[in-house]
Amino acid sequence: MKIIWTKEALERLVEIEDYISKDSPERAAMFVDNIVDHAELLSNNPQLGRVVPETANPIIRELIFKKYRIVYRLKKDIIEILTVFEGHMLLRIDEAGF
């Protein structure tokens, strides 16, 4: 399946990279690349992530990478990455583009 990153998700990746780059720009770029690579696992197995507890909607799922939640929506033949955020936070529906 094809993976598409929403504007929201891409903005969150930039924020994550900006935050980490305060300590190490190289590490920040590598970490964000690793998040993207981890999300690519979904292309062969879209059901890999669990249903997001805040929504209980079977088409809204999340994949965990380290301490980050990668929230995505299953569509007919695409996977839409909605947002990425720290795992200790709750999903804000208004930010995820539902």
N, C-alpha and C. Protein backbone atom coordinates (compact mmCIF):
# COMPACT_ATOMS: atom_id res chain seq x y z
N MET A 1 0.84 -1.19 0.00
CA MET A 1 0.00 0.00 0.00
C MET A 1 0.88 1.24 0.00
N LYS A 2 0.36 2.27 -0.58
CA LYS A 2 1.07 3.54 -0.63
C LYS A 2 0.87 4.30 0.69
N ILE A 3 1.94 4.94 1.16
CA ILE A 3 1.87 5.73 2.38
C ILE A 3 1.93 7.21 2.01
N ILE A 4 1.00 7.97 2.56
CA ILE A 4 0.95 9.42 2.35
C ILE A 4 1.04 10.10 3.70
N TRP A 5 1.90 11.10 3.81
CA TRP A 5 2.06 11.88 5.04
C TRP A 5 1.25 13.16 4.91
N THR A 6 0.39 13.43 5.88
CA THR A 6 -0.38 14.67 5.86
C THR A 6 0.52 15.85 6.24
N LYS A 7 0.02 17.03 5.97
CA LYS A 7 0.74 18.25 6.34
C LYS A 7 1.00 18.27 7.85
N GLU A 8 0.00 17.90 8.62
CA GLU A 8 0.11 17.85 10.08
C GLU A 8 1.26 16.94 10.50
N ALA A 9 1.30 15.74 9.94
CA ALA A 9 2.34 14.77 10.30
C ALA A 9 3.73 15.28 9.93
N LEU A 10 3.86 15.89 8.76
CA LEU A 10 5.15 16.44 8.34
C LEU A 10 5.59 17.59 9.25
N GLU A 11 4.64 18.41 9.66
CA GLU A 11 4.96 19.50 10.58
C GLU A 11 5.45 18.96 11.92
N ARG A 12 4.84 17.89 12.39
CA ARG A 12 5.26 17.28 13.65
C ARG A 12 6.68 16.72 13.53
N LEU A 13 7.00 16.12 12.38
CA LEU A 13 8.36 15.62 12.18
C LEU A 13 9.38 16.75 12.24
N VAL A 14 9.04 17.89 11.64
CA VAL A 14 9.92 19.05 11.68
C VAL A 14 10.11 19.51 13.13
N GLU A 15 9.03 19.56 13.89
CA GLU A 15 9.12 19.96 15.30
C GLU A 15 10.00 19.02 16.10
N ILE A 16 9.85 17.72 15.86
CA ILE A 16 10.68 16.73 16.55
C ILE A 16 12.14 16.94 16.19
N GLU A 17 12.41 17.12 14.92
CA GLU A 17 13.79 17.32 14.48
C GLU A 17 14.37 18.61 15.06
N ASP A 18 13.59 19.68 15.05
CA ASP A 18 14.06 20.95 15.61
C ASP A 18 14.41 20.80 17.09
N TYR A 19 13.58 20.09 17.82
CA TYR A 19 13.82 19.93 19.26
C TYR A 19 15.10 19.13 19.52
N ILE A 20 15.24 18.01 18.84
CA ILE A 20 16.42 17.17 19.05
C ILE A 20 17.68 17.85 18.54
N SER A 21 17.56 18.64 17.50
CA SER A 21 18.75 19.27 16.89
C SER A 21 19.40 20.30 17.81
N LYS A 22 18.71 20.71 18.85
CA LYS A 22 19.33 21.61 19.82
C LYS A 22 20.55 20.95 20.46
N ASP A 23 20.50 19.64 20.59
CA ASP A 23 21.63 18.89 21.14
C ASP A 23 22.54 18.34 20.04
N SER A 24 21.91 17.85 18.96
CA SER A 24 22.70 17.22 17.90
C SER A 24 21.91 17.21 16.59
N PRO A 25 22.26 18.11 15.66
CA PRO A 25 21.55 18.14 14.37
C PRO A 25 21.64 16.81 13.61
N GLU A 26 22.79 16.16 13.69
CA GLU A 26 22.95 14.89 12.98
C GLU A 26 22.05 13.81 13.57
N ARG A 27 22.02 13.74 14.89
CA ARG A 27 21.17 12.76 15.57
C ARG A 27 19.69 13.05 15.29
N ALA A 28 19.34 14.31 15.23
CA ALA A 28 17.94 14.69 14.98
C ALA A 28 17.49 14.22 13.60
N ALA A 29 18.31 14.46 12.59
CA ALA A 29 17.96 14.04 11.23
C ALA A 29 17.86 12.52 11.15
N MET A 30 18.78 11.82 11.80
CA MET A 30 18.77 10.36 11.79
C MET A 30 17.52 9.83 12.52
N PHE A 31 17.15 10.46 13.62
CA PHE A 31 15.99 10.01 14.38
C PHE A 31 14.71 10.16 13.55
N VAL A 32 14.55 11.30 12.90
CA VAL A 32 13.35 11.50 12.06
C VAL A 32 13.35 10.52 10.90
N ASP A 33 14.51 10.27 10.30
CA ASP A 33 14.59 9.26 9.23
C ASP A 33 14.16 7.90 9.75
N ASN A 34 14.53 7.58 10.98
CA ASN A 34 14.14 6.29 11.57
C ASN A 34 12.64 6.21 11.81
N ILE A 35 12.01 7.33 12.18
CA ILE A 35 10.55 7.34 12.33
C ILE A 35 9.90 7.04 10.99
N VAL A 36 10.37 7.71 9.95
CA VAL A 36 9.81 7.50 8.60
C VAL A 36 10.03 6.06 8.15
N ASP A 37 11.23 5.54 8.37
CA ASP A 37 11.51 4.15 8.00
C ASP A 37 10.60 3.18 8.75
N HIS A 38 10.36 3.45 10.02
CA HIS A 38 9.49 2.58 10.82
C HIS A 38 8.06 2.60 10.26
N ALA A 39 7.60 3.77 9.88
CA ALA A 39 6.25 3.89 9.30
C ALA A 39 6.15 3.13 7.98
N GLU A 40 7.26 3.01 7.26
CA GLU A 40 7.26 2.29 5.99
C GLU A 40 6.91 0.81 6.16
N LEU A 41 7.08 0.28 7.36
CA LEU A 41 6.69 -1.11 7.63
C LEU A 41 5.21 -1.33 7.32
N LEU A 42 4.43 -0.27 7.43
CA LEU A 42 2.99 -0.38 7.21
C LEU A 42 2.63 -0.70 5.77
N SER A 43 3.49 -0.34 4.83
CA SER A 43 3.16 -0.56 3.42
C SER A 43 2.92 -2.04 3.11
N ASN A 44 3.61 -2.91 3.81
CA ASN A 44 3.43 -4.35 3.60
C ASN A 44 2.48 -4.98 4.61
N ASN A 45 2.22 -4.27 5.69
CA ASN A 45 1.35 -4.82 6.74
C ASN A 45 0.58 -3.69 7.41
N PRO A 46 -0.47 -3.17 6.77
CA PRO A 46 -1.20 -2.01 7.30
C PRO A 46 -1.89 -2.26 8.64
N GLN A 47 -2.12 -3.50 8.99
CA GLN A 47 -2.76 -3.82 10.26
C GLN A 47 -1.75 -3.96 11.40
N LEU A 48 -0.48 -3.66 11.13
CA LEU A 48 0.58 -3.84 12.12
C LEU A 48 0.33 -3.04 13.40
N GLY A 49 -0.17 -1.83 13.26
CA GLY A 49 -0.44 -1.00 14.44
C GLY A 49 -1.74 -1.38 15.12
N ARG A 50 -1.87 -0.86 16.34
CA ARG A 50 -3.09 -1.13 17.10
C ARG A 50 -4.12 -0.02 16.84
N VAL A 51 -5.37 -0.30 17.18
CA VAL A 51 -6.42 0.72 17.11
C VAL A 51 -6.10 1.78 18.16
N VAL A 52 -6.22 3.05 17.79
CA VAL A 52 -5.94 4.16 18.71
C VAL A 52 -7.00 4.15 19.81
N PRO A 53 -6.59 4.01 21.07
CA PRO A 53 -7.56 3.91 22.17
C PRO A 53 -8.50 5.11 22.27
N GLU A 54 -8.02 6.31 21.94
CA GLU A 54 -8.86 7.50 22.07
C GLU A 54 -10.01 7.53 21.07
N THR A 55 -9.90 6.78 19.97
CA THR A 55 -10.95 6.82 18.96
C THR A 55 -11.79 5.55 18.92
N ALA A 56 -11.18 4.41 19.24
CA ALA A 56 -11.84 3.10 19.14
C ALA A 56 -12.40 2.86 17.73
N ASN A 57 -11.81 3.52 16.74
CA ASN A 57 -12.21 3.39 15.34
C ASN A 57 -11.22 2.46 14.66
N PRO A 58 -11.67 1.34 14.09
CA PRO A 58 -10.73 0.36 13.52
C PRO A 58 -9.90 0.86 12.34
N ILE A 59 -10.29 1.95 11.71
CA ILE A 59 -9.47 2.46 10.60
C ILE A 59 -8.44 3.48 11.07
N ILE A 60 -8.53 3.92 12.33
CA ILE A 60 -7.54 4.84 12.89
C ILE A 60 -6.63 4.00 13.80
N ARG A 61 -5.39 3.88 13.39
CA ARG A 61 -4.46 3.00 14.08
C ARG A 61 -3.19 3.75 14.43
N GLU A 62 -2.35 3.12 15.23
CA GLU A 62 -1.08 3.74 15.56
C GLU A 62 0.02 2.70 15.63
N LEU A 63 1.19 3.15 15.25
CA LEU A 63 2.40 2.35 15.32
C LEU A 63 3.33 3.07 16.29
N ILE A 64 3.92 2.34 17.19
CA ILE A 64 4.80 2.94 18.19
C ILE A 64 6.25 2.84 17.72
N PHE A 65 6.96 3.96 17.82
CA PHE A 65 8.39 3.97 17.56
C PHE A 65 9.07 4.67 18.73
N LYS A 66 9.86 3.91 19.46
CA LYS A 66 10.50 4.39 20.68
C LYS A 66 9.42 4.99 21.57
N LYS A 67 9.46 6.29 21.85
CA LYS A 67 8.41 6.86 22.70
C LYS A 67 7.41 7.71 21.90
N TYR A 68 7.35 7.49 20.59
CA TYR A 68 6.46 8.27 19.73
C TYR A 68 5.35 7.41 19.15
N ARG A 69 4.20 8.04 18.98
CA ARG A 69 3.03 7.41 18.37
C ARG A 69 2.89 7.93 16.95
N ILE A 70 2.83 7.02 16.00
CA ILE A 70 2.61 7.36 14.59
C ILE A 70 1.17 6.97 14.30
N VAL A 71 0.30 7.96 14.18
CA VAL A 71 -1.13 7.71 14.01
C VAL A 71 -1.45 7.76 12.52
N TYR A 72 -2.18 6.74 12.06
CA TYR A 72 -2.51 6.66 10.63
C TYR A 72 -3.94 6.19 10.42
N ARG A 73 -4.42 6.48 9.21
CA ARG A 73 -5.77 6.08 8.83
C ARG A 73 -5.67 5.15 7.64
N LEU A 74 -6.40 4.05 7.71
CA LEU A 74 -6.46 3.12 6.59
C LEU A 74 -7.55 3.57 5.63
N LYS A 75 -7.18 3.71 4.39
CA LYS A 75 -8.15 4.02 3.34
C LYS A 75 -8.12 2.87 2.35
N LYS A 76 -8.89 2.97 1.33
CA LYS A 76 -9.03 1.87 0.38
C LYS A 76 -7.69 1.28 -0.05
N ASP A 77 -6.83 2.09 -0.62
CA ASP A 77 -5.54 1.57 -1.08
C ASP A 77 -4.37 2.46 -0.67
N ILE A 78 -4.59 3.26 0.39
CA ILE A 78 -3.49 4.07 0.92
C ILE A 78 -3.50 4.04 2.45
N ILE A 79 -2.36 4.38 2.97
CA ILE A 79 -2.21 4.58 4.42
C ILE A 79 -1.88 6.05 4.58
N GLU A 80 -2.68 6.75 5.33
CA GLU A 80 -2.50 8.19 5.53
C GLU A 80 -1.96 8.43 6.94
N ILE A 81 -0.70 8.88 7.02
CA ILE A 81 -0.11 9.19 8.32
C ILE A 81 -0.69 10.53 8.76
N LEU A 82 -1.40 10.54 9.88
CA LEU A 82 -2.12 11.73 10.33
C LEU A 82 -1.28 12.63 11.23
N THR A 83 -0.52 12.02 12.14
CA THR A 83 0.28 12.81 13.07
C THR A 83 1.31 11.91 13.74
N VAL A 84 2.28 12.54 14.36
CA VAL A 84 3.31 11.86 15.15
C VAL A 84 3.50 12.69 16.40
N PHE A 85 3.49 12.03 17.56
CA PHE A 85 3.67 12.78 18.80
C PHE A 85 4.17 11.86 19.90
N GLU A 86 4.59 12.46 21.00
CA GLU A 86 5.14 11.69 22.11
C GLU A 86 4.07 10.79 22.73
N GLY A 87 4.47 9.59 23.07
CA GLY A 87 3.56 8.57 23.53
C GLY A 87 2.86 8.84 24.84
N HIS A 88 3.39 9.71 25.66
CA HIS A 88 2.74 9.99 26.95
C HIS A 88 1.55 10.93 26.79
N MET A 89 1.39 11.50 25.61
CA MET A 89 0.29 12.45 25.36
C MET A 89 -0.91 11.72 24.77
N LEU A 90 -2.09 12.31 24.97
CA LEU A 90 -3.30 11.79 24.35
C LEU A 90 -3.45 12.40 22.96
N LEU A 91 -4.08 11.65 22.07
CA LEU A 91 -4.34 12.14 20.73
C LEU A 91 -5.37 13.25 20.79
N ARG A 92 -5.04 14.38 20.19
CA ARG A 92 -6.00 15.49 20.08
C ARG A 92 -6.67 15.37 18.71
N ILE A 93 -7.93 15.03 18.72
CA ILE A 93 -8.67 14.78 17.49
C ILE A 93 -8.61 15.99 16.57
N ASP A 94 -8.68 17.19 17.11
CA ASP A 94 -8.68 18.40 16.29
C ASP A 94 -7.36 18.59 15.56
N GLU A 95 -6.28 18.05 16.08
CA GLU A 95 -4.97 18.19 15.44
C GLU A 95 -4.70 17.11 14.40
N ALA A 96 -5.40 16.02 14.48
CA ALA A 96 -5.09 14.89 13.63
C ALA A 96 -5.82 14.92 12.29
N GLY A 97 -6.70 15.87 12.08
CA GLY A 97 -7.37 16.00 10.80
C GLY A 97 -8.49 15.01 10.56
N PHE A 98 -9.21 14.63 11.60
CA PHE A 98 -10.34 13.73 11.42
C PHE A 98 -11.52 14.45 10.86
